[in-house]
Amino acid sequence: MIAFGVLLISTVSVFVAYNANRTQERILAASVWPALVFGTSNASTEGGKQISLDLLNRGVGPARIRWAEVLYEGKPVSGPSSLLAACCGGAEAEQGLLVMNSGIQRRVVGANEWIQVMRVQPMDAPMPAYEKLDDALSRIRARLCYCSVLDECWLLESERPEPAAVRTCPAAPEVLWESNS
């Protein structure tokens, strides 16, 4: 009878320890959870004329970006010049526009960090390329894979409401968004 009691107490102790460990792992994962959001905008924070592609980390931990691609009408573009050429005309599309951008490949995005991936401001009138880009915002999408510091990974597809948890990031697409293209 005593041996059975000791065995029962040992079993309960192992069960409690196992559950406590799982709870601690979940608390740790939640404390470093990144949550990236991609968005577009056609006004600056001050209300001025500005088109931007933004990446925001709404989570509580840093996001390590493994790769990122931007698509226009479902086709990948390699950077600001490529996007402007695809949506707004040839090489002359950048004339009259001030284009600024930030790199996002293999970058760590801190909690609550906001990155303006691309920012476009008109420099003079007329602004046909700027207006075309403004009209094209609804057809610009982003796909990127990012991981937490604990190597939990997510695939963000901007047309979906939530990033999908993935065991590991899939292989990077052939055409990635680069800030100098």
N, C-alpha and C. Protein backbone atom coordinates (compact mmCIF):
# COMPACT_ATOMS: atom_id res chain seq x y z
N MET A 1 0.82 -1.18 0.00
CA MET A 1 0.00 0.00 0.00
C MET A 1 0.87 1.26 0.00
N ILE A 2 1.93 1.26 0.83
CA ILE A 2 2.83 2.40 0.89
C ILE A 2 3.53 2.59 -0.46
N ALA A 3 3.96 1.50 -1.10
CA ALA A 3 4.63 1.57 -2.40
C ALA A 3 3.69 2.16 -3.44
N PHE A 4 2.42 1.76 -3.39
CA PHE A 4 1.43 2.30 -4.33
C PHE A 4 1.25 3.81 -4.10
N GLY A 5 1.20 4.26 -2.87
CA GLY A 5 1.07 5.68 -2.55
C GLY A 5 2.26 6.49 -3.06
N VAL A 6 3.46 5.94 -2.84
CA VAL A 6 4.67 6.61 -3.32
C VAL A 6 4.66 6.69 -4.85
N LEU A 7 4.26 5.60 -5.50
CA LEU A 7 4.18 5.57 -6.96
C LEU A 7 3.15 6.60 -7.48
N LEU A 8 2.01 6.72 -6.81
CA LEU A 8 0.98 7.67 -7.20
C LEU A 8 1.48 9.11 -7.04
N ILE A 9 2.13 9.39 -5.91
CA ILE A 9 2.66 10.74 -5.67
C ILE A 9 3.74 11.07 -6.70
N SER A 10 4.60 10.11 -7.03
CA SER A 10 5.64 10.33 -8.03
C SER A 10 5.04 10.62 -9.40
N THR A 11 4.00 9.88 -9.75
CA THR A 11 3.33 10.09 -11.04
C THR A 11 2.70 11.47 -11.11
N VAL A 12 2.03 11.85 -10.05
CA VAL A 12 1.41 13.18 -10.01
C VAL A 12 2.48 14.26 -10.07
N SER A 13 3.60 14.08 -9.40
CA SER A 13 4.69 15.05 -9.41
C SER A 13 5.27 15.22 -10.83
N VAL A 14 5.45 14.12 -11.52
CA VAL A 14 5.95 14.18 -12.91
C VAL A 14 4.94 14.92 -13.79
N PHE A 15 3.67 14.64 -13.64
CA PHE A 15 2.62 15.29 -14.42
C PHE A 15 2.61 16.80 -14.15
N VAL A 16 2.69 17.20 -12.91
CA VAL A 16 2.70 18.62 -12.54
C VAL A 16 3.95 19.31 -13.10
N ALA A 17 5.10 18.66 -12.97
CA ALA A 17 6.35 19.24 -13.49
C ALA A 17 6.29 19.39 -15.01
N TYR A 18 5.75 18.42 -15.70
CA TYR A 18 5.63 18.47 -17.16
C TYR A 18 4.73 19.64 -17.58
N ASN A 19 3.59 19.77 -16.92
CA ASN A 19 2.66 20.87 -17.26
C ASN A 19 3.25 22.23 -16.90
N ALA A 20 3.97 22.33 -15.81
CA ALA A 20 4.61 23.59 -15.44
C ALA A 20 5.66 23.97 -16.48
N ASN A 21 6.40 23.00 -16.96
CA ASN A 21 7.41 23.26 -17.99
C ASN A 21 6.76 23.74 -19.29
N ARG A 22 5.68 23.10 -19.71
CA ARG A 22 4.95 23.53 -20.91
C ARG A 22 4.43 24.95 -20.75
N THR A 23 3.92 25.28 -19.59
CA THR A 23 3.41 26.62 -19.33
C THR A 23 4.54 27.64 -19.41
N GLN A 24 5.69 27.33 -18.84
CA GLN A 24 6.84 28.24 -18.89
C GLN A 24 7.31 28.45 -20.33
N GLU A 25 7.31 27.38 -21.13
CA GLU A 25 7.70 27.51 -22.54
C GLU A 25 6.74 28.42 -23.29
N ARG A 26 5.46 28.29 -23.04
CA ARG A 26 4.46 29.13 -23.70
C ARG A 26 4.57 30.58 -23.25
N ILE A 27 4.86 30.81 -21.98
CA ILE A 27 5.04 32.18 -21.49
C ILE A 27 6.27 32.80 -22.13
N LEU A 28 7.36 32.05 -22.24
CA LEU A 28 8.57 32.56 -22.89
C LEU A 28 8.29 32.88 -24.35
N ALA A 29 7.62 31.98 -25.07
CA ALA A 29 7.32 32.23 -26.48
C ALA A 29 6.45 33.47 -26.64
N ALA A 30 5.48 33.66 -25.76
CA ALA A 30 4.62 34.83 -25.84
C ALA A 30 5.39 36.12 -25.53
N SER A 31 6.41 36.04 -24.70
CA SER A 31 7.14 37.24 -24.31
C SER A 31 8.10 37.73 -25.40
N VAL A 32 8.35 36.91 -26.42
CA VAL A 32 9.22 37.32 -27.52
C VAL A 32 8.51 37.22 -28.87
N TRP A 33 7.19 37.19 -28.86
CA TRP A 33 6.39 37.00 -30.06
C TRP A 33 6.40 38.24 -30.96
N PRO A 34 6.88 38.11 -32.21
CA PRO A 34 6.80 39.23 -33.15
C PRO A 34 5.51 39.11 -33.96
N ALA A 35 4.99 40.22 -34.44
CA ALA A 35 3.77 40.21 -35.26
C ALA A 35 3.91 41.30 -36.32
N LEU A 36 4.39 40.92 -37.51
CA LEU A 36 4.59 41.89 -38.57
C LEU A 36 3.30 42.16 -39.33
N VAL A 37 3.15 43.42 -39.75
CA VAL A 37 2.01 43.88 -40.52
C VAL A 37 2.56 44.70 -41.68
N PHE A 38 2.06 44.43 -42.89
CA PHE A 38 2.43 45.21 -44.07
C PHE A 38 1.25 46.07 -44.47
N GLY A 39 1.51 47.32 -44.80
CA GLY A 39 0.43 48.19 -45.22
C GLY A 39 0.90 49.23 -46.21
N THR A 40 -0.06 49.85 -46.86
CA THR A 40 0.23 50.94 -47.79
C THR A 40 -0.54 52.17 -47.34
N SER A 41 -0.06 53.33 -47.77
CA SER A 41 -0.70 54.58 -47.38
C SER A 41 -0.52 55.60 -48.49
N ASN A 42 -1.47 56.52 -48.60
CA ASN A 42 -1.32 57.58 -49.60
C ASN A 42 -1.30 58.97 -48.96
N ALA A 43 -0.90 59.04 -47.70
CA ALA A 43 -0.73 60.33 -47.03
C ALA A 43 0.34 60.19 -45.95
N SER A 44 1.07 61.25 -45.73
CA SER A 44 2.06 61.24 -44.65
C SER A 44 1.34 61.36 -43.31
N THR A 45 2.06 61.16 -42.23
CA THR A 45 1.45 61.29 -40.91
C THR A 45 0.98 62.71 -40.64
N GLU A 46 1.54 63.67 -41.38
CA GLU A 46 1.12 65.07 -41.25
C GLU A 46 -0.01 65.42 -42.21
N GLY A 47 -0.42 64.47 -43.08
CA GLY A 47 -1.50 64.70 -44.02
C GLY A 47 -1.05 65.17 -45.39
N GLY A 48 0.25 65.23 -45.63
CA GLY A 48 0.77 65.67 -46.93
C GLY A 48 0.72 64.57 -47.96
N LYS A 49 1.05 64.93 -49.21
CA LYS A 49 1.08 63.95 -50.30
C LYS A 49 2.29 63.04 -50.13
N GLN A 50 2.03 61.78 -49.93
CA GLN A 50 3.09 60.79 -49.79
C GLN A 50 2.48 59.41 -49.94
N ILE A 51 3.11 58.59 -50.74
CA ILE A 51 2.70 57.20 -50.87
C ILE A 51 3.77 56.37 -50.18
N SER A 52 3.34 55.43 -49.36
CA SER A 52 4.35 54.62 -48.67
C SER A 52 3.91 53.16 -48.56
N LEU A 53 4.92 52.32 -48.56
CA LEU A 53 4.78 50.90 -48.24
C LEU A 53 5.44 50.74 -46.88
N ASP A 54 4.69 50.23 -45.91
CA ASP A 54 5.15 50.19 -44.53
C ASP A 54 5.18 48.78 -43.98
N LEU A 55 6.13 48.54 -43.10
CA LEU A 55 6.23 47.28 -42.36
C LEU A 55 6.30 47.64 -40.89
N LEU A 56 5.44 47.04 -40.11
CA LEU A 56 5.30 47.37 -38.70
C LEU A 56 5.37 46.10 -37.87
N ASN A 57 6.09 46.12 -36.77
CA ASN A 57 6.09 44.99 -35.84
C ASN A 57 5.20 45.35 -34.67
N ARG A 58 4.01 44.77 -34.63
CA ARG A 58 3.05 45.02 -33.56
C ARG A 58 3.24 44.05 -32.38
N GLY A 59 4.22 43.16 -32.48
CA GLY A 59 4.45 42.18 -31.42
C GLY A 59 5.29 42.74 -30.29
N VAL A 60 5.62 41.86 -29.35
CA VAL A 60 6.40 42.25 -28.18
C VAL A 60 7.86 41.84 -28.28
N GLY A 61 8.21 41.14 -29.34
CA GLY A 61 9.59 40.71 -29.52
C GLY A 61 10.08 41.04 -30.92
N PRO A 62 11.39 40.95 -31.14
CA PRO A 62 11.94 41.25 -32.45
C PRO A 62 11.60 40.19 -33.49
N ALA A 63 11.49 40.63 -34.74
CA ALA A 63 11.25 39.73 -35.87
C ALA A 63 12.51 39.69 -36.72
N ARG A 64 13.00 38.49 -36.96
CA ARG A 64 14.17 38.33 -37.84
C ARG A 64 13.64 37.97 -39.22
N ILE A 65 13.73 38.90 -40.15
CA ILE A 65 13.21 38.66 -41.50
C ILE A 65 14.20 37.78 -42.25
N ARG A 66 13.69 36.66 -42.76
CA ARG A 66 14.52 35.74 -43.54
C ARG A 66 14.55 36.16 -45.01
N TRP A 67 13.39 36.53 -45.55
CA TRP A 67 13.29 37.05 -46.93
C TRP A 67 11.99 37.81 -47.07
N ALA A 68 11.96 38.70 -48.07
CA ALA A 68 10.76 39.50 -48.32
C ALA A 68 10.62 39.74 -49.82
N GLU A 69 9.40 39.65 -50.29
CA GLU A 69 9.12 39.98 -51.68
C GLU A 69 7.90 40.90 -51.73
N VAL A 70 7.91 41.80 -52.70
CA VAL A 70 6.79 42.69 -52.96
C VAL A 70 6.29 42.33 -54.35
N LEU A 71 4.96 42.24 -54.46
CA LEU A 71 4.35 41.87 -55.74
C LEU A 71 3.42 42.98 -56.22
N TYR A 72 3.45 43.19 -57.52
CA TYR A 72 2.50 44.10 -58.15
C TYR A 72 1.69 43.28 -59.13
N GLU A 73 0.39 43.27 -58.94
CA GLU A 73 -0.53 42.45 -59.73
C GLU A 73 -0.07 41.00 -59.79
N GLY A 74 0.42 40.51 -58.66
CA GLY A 74 0.82 39.11 -58.54
C GLY A 74 2.21 38.78 -59.05
N LYS A 75 2.91 39.75 -59.61
CA LYS A 75 4.25 39.52 -60.13
C LYS A 75 5.27 40.20 -59.23
N PRO A 76 6.35 39.49 -58.88
CA PRO A 76 7.35 40.08 -57.99
C PRO A 76 8.10 41.23 -58.65
N VAL A 77 8.40 42.25 -57.85
CA VAL A 77 9.22 43.38 -58.30
C VAL A 77 10.45 43.43 -57.40
N SER A 78 11.56 43.87 -57.97
CA SER A 78 12.82 43.78 -57.23
C SER A 78 13.16 45.01 -56.40
N GLY A 79 12.37 46.06 -56.50
CA GLY A 79 12.65 47.25 -55.73
C GLY A 79 11.81 48.42 -56.23
N PRO A 80 12.08 49.61 -55.68
CA PRO A 80 11.29 50.79 -56.04
C PRO A 80 11.25 51.08 -57.54
N SER A 81 12.40 51.04 -58.22
CA SER A 81 12.43 51.34 -59.66
C SER A 81 11.62 50.33 -60.44
N SER A 82 11.74 49.06 -60.06
CA SER A 82 10.99 48.00 -60.73
C SER A 82 9.49 48.15 -60.51
N LEU A 83 9.08 48.52 -59.30
CA LEU A 83 7.66 48.73 -59.01
C LEU A 83 7.12 49.92 -59.81
N LEU A 84 7.84 51.01 -59.82
CA LEU A 84 7.38 52.20 -60.56
C LEU A 84 7.31 51.92 -62.05
N ALA A 85 8.26 51.17 -62.58
CA ALA A 85 8.22 50.83 -64.01
C ALA A 85 7.00 49.94 -64.31
N ALA A 86 6.69 49.00 -63.42
CA ALA A 86 5.57 48.07 -63.66
C ALA A 86 4.21 48.76 -63.56
N CYS A 87 4.06 49.67 -62.63
CA CYS A 87 2.74 50.27 -62.42
C CYS A 87 2.53 51.59 -63.15
N CYS A 88 3.62 52.28 -63.42
CA CYS A 88 3.47 53.69 -63.79
C CYS A 88 4.16 54.08 -65.08
N GLY A 89 4.66 53.13 -65.82
CA GLY A 89 5.35 53.44 -67.07
C GLY A 89 6.78 52.99 -67.03
N GLY A 90 7.54 53.35 -68.03
CA GLY A 90 8.93 52.92 -68.15
C GLY A 90 9.85 53.63 -67.17
N ALA A 91 11.09 53.78 -67.58
CA ALA A 91 12.11 54.39 -66.72
C ALA A 91 11.77 55.83 -66.37
N GLU A 92 10.99 56.50 -67.21
CA GLU A 92 10.62 57.89 -66.94
C GLU A 92 9.62 58.02 -65.80
N ALA A 93 9.11 56.91 -65.28
CA ALA A 93 8.12 56.95 -64.19
C ALA A 93 8.66 57.65 -62.95
N GLU A 94 9.95 57.61 -62.73
CA GLU A 94 10.52 58.21 -61.52
C GLU A 94 10.73 59.72 -61.65
N GLN A 95 10.58 60.26 -62.85
CA GLN A 95 10.78 61.69 -63.04
C GLN A 95 9.71 62.46 -62.28
N GLY A 96 10.14 63.46 -61.57
CA GLY A 96 9.22 64.29 -60.79
C GLY A 96 8.84 63.68 -59.45
N LEU A 97 9.47 62.57 -59.09
CA LEU A 97 9.16 61.91 -57.81
C LEU A 97 10.41 61.84 -56.94
N LEU A 98 10.23 62.05 -55.67
CA LEU A 98 11.29 61.83 -54.69
C LEU A 98 11.02 60.45 -54.09
N VAL A 99 11.91 59.49 -54.35
CA VAL A 99 11.72 58.11 -53.91
C VAL A 99 12.77 57.78 -52.85
N MET A 100 12.30 57.38 -51.68
CA MET A 100 13.19 56.96 -50.59
C MET A 100 12.80 55.54 -50.19
N ASN A 101 13.77 54.75 -49.75
CA ASN A 101 13.45 53.37 -49.37
C ASN A 101 14.40 52.86 -48.31
N SER A 102 13.98 51.76 -47.70
CA SER A 102 14.77 51.09 -46.66
C SER A 102 14.89 49.62 -47.01
N GLY A 103 16.02 49.05 -46.72
CA GLY A 103 16.21 47.62 -46.94
C GLY A 103 15.48 46.81 -45.88
N ILE A 104 14.96 45.67 -46.27
CA ILE A 104 14.27 44.80 -45.31
C ILE A 104 14.78 43.36 -45.34
N GLN A 105 15.64 43.03 -46.30
CA GLN A 105 16.14 41.66 -46.38
C GLN A 105 17.06 41.37 -45.19
N ARG A 106 16.85 40.22 -44.58
CA ARG A 106 17.70 39.75 -43.48
C ARG A 106 17.88 40.82 -42.40
N ARG A 107 16.81 41.47 -42.06
CA ARG A 107 16.83 42.56 -41.09
C ARG A 107 16.10 42.13 -39.82
N VAL A 108 16.49 42.69 -38.71
CA VAL A 108 15.78 42.47 -37.44
C VAL A 108 14.90 43.70 -37.21
N VAL A 109 13.61 43.45 -37.03
CA VAL A 109 12.65 44.53 -36.79
C VAL A 109 12.23 44.44 -35.33
N GLY A 110 12.58 45.46 -34.56
CA GLY A 110 12.28 45.47 -33.13
C GLY A 110 10.79 45.60 -32.84
N ALA A 111 10.42 45.29 -31.62
CA ALA A 111 9.02 45.44 -31.19
C ALA A 111 8.60 46.90 -31.39
N ASN A 112 7.43 47.10 -31.96
CA ASN A 112 6.86 48.42 -32.24
C ASN A 112 7.69 49.25 -33.21
N GLU A 113 8.60 48.62 -33.94
CA GLU A 113 9.38 49.36 -34.94
C GLU A 113 8.57 49.49 -36.23
N TRP A 114 8.67 50.65 -36.86
CA TRP A 114 7.97 50.96 -38.09
C TRP A 114 8.99 51.26 -39.16
N ILE A 115 8.95 50.53 -40.26
CA ILE A 115 9.89 50.74 -41.36
C ILE A 115 9.10 51.21 -42.57
N GLN A 116 9.50 52.34 -43.12
CA GLN A 116 8.92 52.77 -44.39
C GLN A 116 9.77 52.11 -45.47
N VAL A 117 9.25 51.01 -45.99
CA VAL A 117 9.96 50.23 -47.00
C VAL A 117 10.20 51.09 -48.24
N MET A 118 9.18 51.87 -48.61
CA MET A 118 9.30 52.78 -49.75
C MET A 118 8.42 53.99 -49.47
N ARG A 119 8.96 55.15 -49.78
CA ARG A 119 8.21 56.39 -49.60
C ARG A 119 8.38 57.22 -50.86
N VAL A 120 7.27 57.69 -51.41
CA VAL A 120 7.29 58.46 -52.66
C VAL A 120 6.55 59.77 -52.44
N GLN A 121 7.21 60.86 -52.79
CA GLN A 121 6.60 62.18 -52.69
C GLN A 121 6.71 62.87 -54.05
N PRO A 122 5.66 63.58 -54.46
CA PRO A 122 5.76 64.31 -55.73
C PRO A 122 6.64 65.54 -55.54
N MET A 123 7.45 65.82 -56.56
CA MET A 123 8.33 66.99 -56.47
C MET A 123 7.77 68.18 -57.24
N ASP A 124 6.99 67.90 -58.26
CA ASP A 124 6.43 69.00 -59.05
C ASP A 124 5.16 68.52 -59.76
N ALA A 125 4.41 69.46 -60.30
CA ALA A 125 3.21 69.14 -61.07
C ALA A 125 3.60 69.19 -62.55
N PRO A 126 2.97 68.44 -63.41
CA PRO A 126 1.94 67.44 -63.20
C PRO A 126 2.53 66.15 -62.62
N MET A 127 1.66 65.31 -62.10
CA MET A 127 2.12 64.13 -61.36
C MET A 127 1.47 62.84 -61.90
N PRO A 128 1.56 62.54 -63.18
CA PRO A 128 0.88 61.33 -63.68
C PRO A 128 1.41 60.04 -63.05
N ALA A 129 2.71 59.94 -62.88
CA ALA A 129 3.27 58.71 -62.28
C ALA A 129 2.84 58.57 -60.82
N TYR A 130 2.82 59.67 -60.09
CA TYR A 130 2.38 59.65 -58.69
C TYR A 130 0.92 59.20 -58.61
N GLU A 131 0.07 59.74 -59.47
CA GLU A 131 -1.35 59.37 -59.48
C GLU A 131 -1.54 57.91 -59.87
N LYS A 132 -0.75 57.42 -60.83
CA LYS A 132 -0.83 56.01 -61.21
C LYS A 132 -0.42 55.11 -60.04
N LEU A 133 0.63 55.51 -59.32
CA LEU A 133 1.07 54.74 -58.16
C LEU A 133 0.00 54.74 -57.08
N ASP A 134 -0.62 55.88 -56.86
CA ASP A 134 -1.72 55.97 -55.88
C ASP A 134 -2.85 55.01 -56.26
N ASP A 135 -3.21 54.97 -57.54
CA ASP A 135 -4.25 54.05 -58.01
C ASP A 135 -3.82 52.58 -57.89
N ALA A 136 -2.52 52.32 -57.95
CA ALA A 136 -2.00 50.95 -57.93
C ALA A 136 -1.86 50.37 -56.52
N LEU A 137 -2.00 51.19 -55.48
CA LEU A 137 -1.77 50.72 -54.11
C LEU A 137 -2.55 49.46 -53.77
N SER A 138 -3.78 49.35 -54.24
CA SER A 138 -4.60 48.18 -53.90
C SER A 138 -4.11 46.90 -54.58
N ARG A 139 -3.20 47.02 -55.53
CA ARG A 139 -2.68 45.85 -56.24
C ARG A 139 -1.25 45.49 -55.81
N ILE A 140 -0.76 46.16 -54.78
CA ILE A 140 0.58 45.87 -54.25
C ILE A 140 0.43 44.97 -53.03
N ARG A 141 1.15 43.87 -53.03
CA ARG A 141 1.11 42.90 -51.95
C ARG A 141 2.55 42.62 -51.47
N ALA A 142 2.63 42.02 -50.31
CA ALA A 142 3.94 41.61 -49.78
C ALA A 142 3.84 40.19 -49.26
N ARG A 143 4.92 39.46 -49.39
CA ARG A 143 5.09 38.13 -48.79
C ARG A 143 6.44 38.15 -48.10
N LEU A 144 6.47 37.70 -46.87
CA LEU A 144 7.76 37.59 -46.21
C LEU A 144 7.70 36.53 -45.13
N CYS A 145 8.86 35.96 -44.87
CA CYS A 145 8.96 34.97 -43.82
C CYS A 145 9.87 35.54 -42.74
N TYR A 146 9.42 35.41 -41.50
CA TYR A 146 10.18 35.94 -40.38
C TYR A 146 10.10 34.98 -39.20
N CYS A 147 11.06 35.11 -38.30
CA CYS A 147 11.15 34.21 -37.15
C CYS A 147 11.38 35.03 -35.87
N SER A 148 11.01 34.43 -34.75
CA SER A 148 11.29 35.02 -33.44
C SER A 148 12.70 34.62 -33.03
N VAL A 149 13.15 35.13 -31.91
CA VAL A 149 14.48 34.76 -31.40
C VAL A 149 14.52 33.29 -30.96
N LEU A 150 13.34 32.68 -30.80
CA LEU A 150 13.27 31.26 -30.43
C LEU A 150 13.10 30.37 -31.66
N ASP A 151 13.27 30.96 -32.86
CA ASP A 151 13.14 30.26 -34.14
C ASP A 151 11.74 29.71 -34.40
N GLU A 152 10.73 30.36 -33.86
CA GLU A 152 9.36 30.10 -34.29
C GLU A 152 9.14 31.02 -35.48
N CYS A 153 8.60 30.49 -36.58
CA CYS A 153 8.55 31.26 -37.83
C CYS A 153 7.12 31.42 -38.33
N TRP A 154 6.92 32.50 -39.12
CA TRP A 154 5.62 32.82 -39.70
C TRP A 154 5.81 33.27 -41.13
N LEU A 155 4.80 33.01 -41.95
CA LEU A 155 4.77 33.48 -43.33
C LEU A 155 3.67 34.53 -43.43
N LEU A 156 4.07 35.75 -43.70
CA LEU A 156 3.12 36.86 -43.84
C LEU A 156 2.79 37.02 -45.31
N GLU A 157 1.50 36.96 -45.62
CA GLU A 157 1.00 37.27 -46.96
C GLU A 157 -0.03 38.37 -46.74
N SER A 158 0.27 39.56 -47.26
CA SER A 158 -0.50 40.75 -46.88
C SER A 158 -1.98 40.66 -47.20
N GLU A 159 -2.39 39.82 -48.13
CA GLU A 159 -3.82 39.73 -48.43
C GLU A 159 -4.56 38.82 -47.44
N ARG A 160 -3.84 38.16 -46.58
CA ARG A 160 -4.47 37.31 -45.55
C ARG A 160 -4.53 38.06 -44.23
N PRO A 161 -5.55 37.77 -43.41
CA PRO A 161 -5.70 38.52 -42.16
C PRO A 161 -4.63 38.24 -41.10
N GLU A 162 -4.04 37.05 -41.11
CA GLU A 162 -3.06 36.68 -40.08
C GLU A 162 -1.87 35.98 -40.72
N PRO A 163 -0.66 36.19 -40.22
CA PRO A 163 0.48 35.40 -40.69
C PRO A 163 0.26 33.93 -40.31
N ALA A 164 0.74 33.03 -41.15
CA ALA A 164 0.62 31.59 -40.89
C ALA A 164 1.88 31.08 -40.22
N ALA A 165 1.70 30.36 -39.14
CA ALA A 165 2.85 29.74 -38.47
C ALA A 165 3.40 28.63 -39.38
N VAL A 166 4.72 28.59 -39.53
CA VAL A 166 5.38 27.56 -40.33
C VAL A 166 6.51 26.97 -39.51
N ARG A 167 6.79 25.69 -39.76
CA ARG A 167 7.87 25.03 -39.01
C ARG A 167 9.21 25.69 -39.32
N THR A 168 9.48 25.92 -40.60
CA THR A 168 10.67 26.66 -41.05
C THR A 168 10.25 27.50 -42.25
N CYS A 169 11.02 28.51 -42.53
CA CYS A 169 10.70 29.36 -43.68
C CYS A 169 10.92 28.57 -44.97
N PRO A 170 9.99 28.71 -45.92
CA PRO A 170 10.22 28.07 -47.22
C PRO A 170 11.40 28.75 -47.92
N ALA A 171 11.88 28.11 -48.96
CA ALA A 171 12.98 28.69 -49.72
C ALA A 171 12.58 30.07 -50.22
N ALA A 172 13.55 30.97 -50.26
CA ALA A 172 13.29 32.34 -50.72
C ALA A 172 12.90 32.34 -52.20
N PRO A 173 11.96 33.20 -52.57
CA PRO A 173 11.61 33.33 -53.99
C PRO A 173 12.82 33.85 -54.78
N GLU A 174 12.75 33.71 -56.11
CA GLU A 174 13.86 34.15 -56.95
C GLU A 174 14.03 35.66 -56.95
N VAL A 175 12.91 36.40 -56.95
CA VAL A 175 12.97 37.85 -57.01
C VAL A 175 12.61 38.39 -55.64
N LEU A 176 13.58 39.01 -54.98
CA LEU A 176 13.36 39.58 -53.65
C LEU A 176 13.39 41.11 -53.75
N TRP A 177 12.71 41.75 -52.80
CA TRP A 177 12.69 43.21 -52.74
C TRP A 177 14.02 43.69 -52.21
N GLU A 178 14.71 44.49 -52.98
CA GLU A 178 15.99 45.08 -52.56
C GLU A 178 15.84 46.60 -52.61
N SER A 179 16.41 47.28 -51.68
CA SER A 179 16.24 48.73 -51.60
C SER A 179 16.96 49.47 -52.72
N ASN A 180 17.90 48.84 -53.39
CA ASN A 180 18.67 49.55 -54.41
C ASN A 180 18.23 49.21 -55.82
N SER A 181 17.07 48.56 -55.99
CA SER A 181 16.62 48.18 -57.33
C SER A 181 15.47 49.05 -57.77
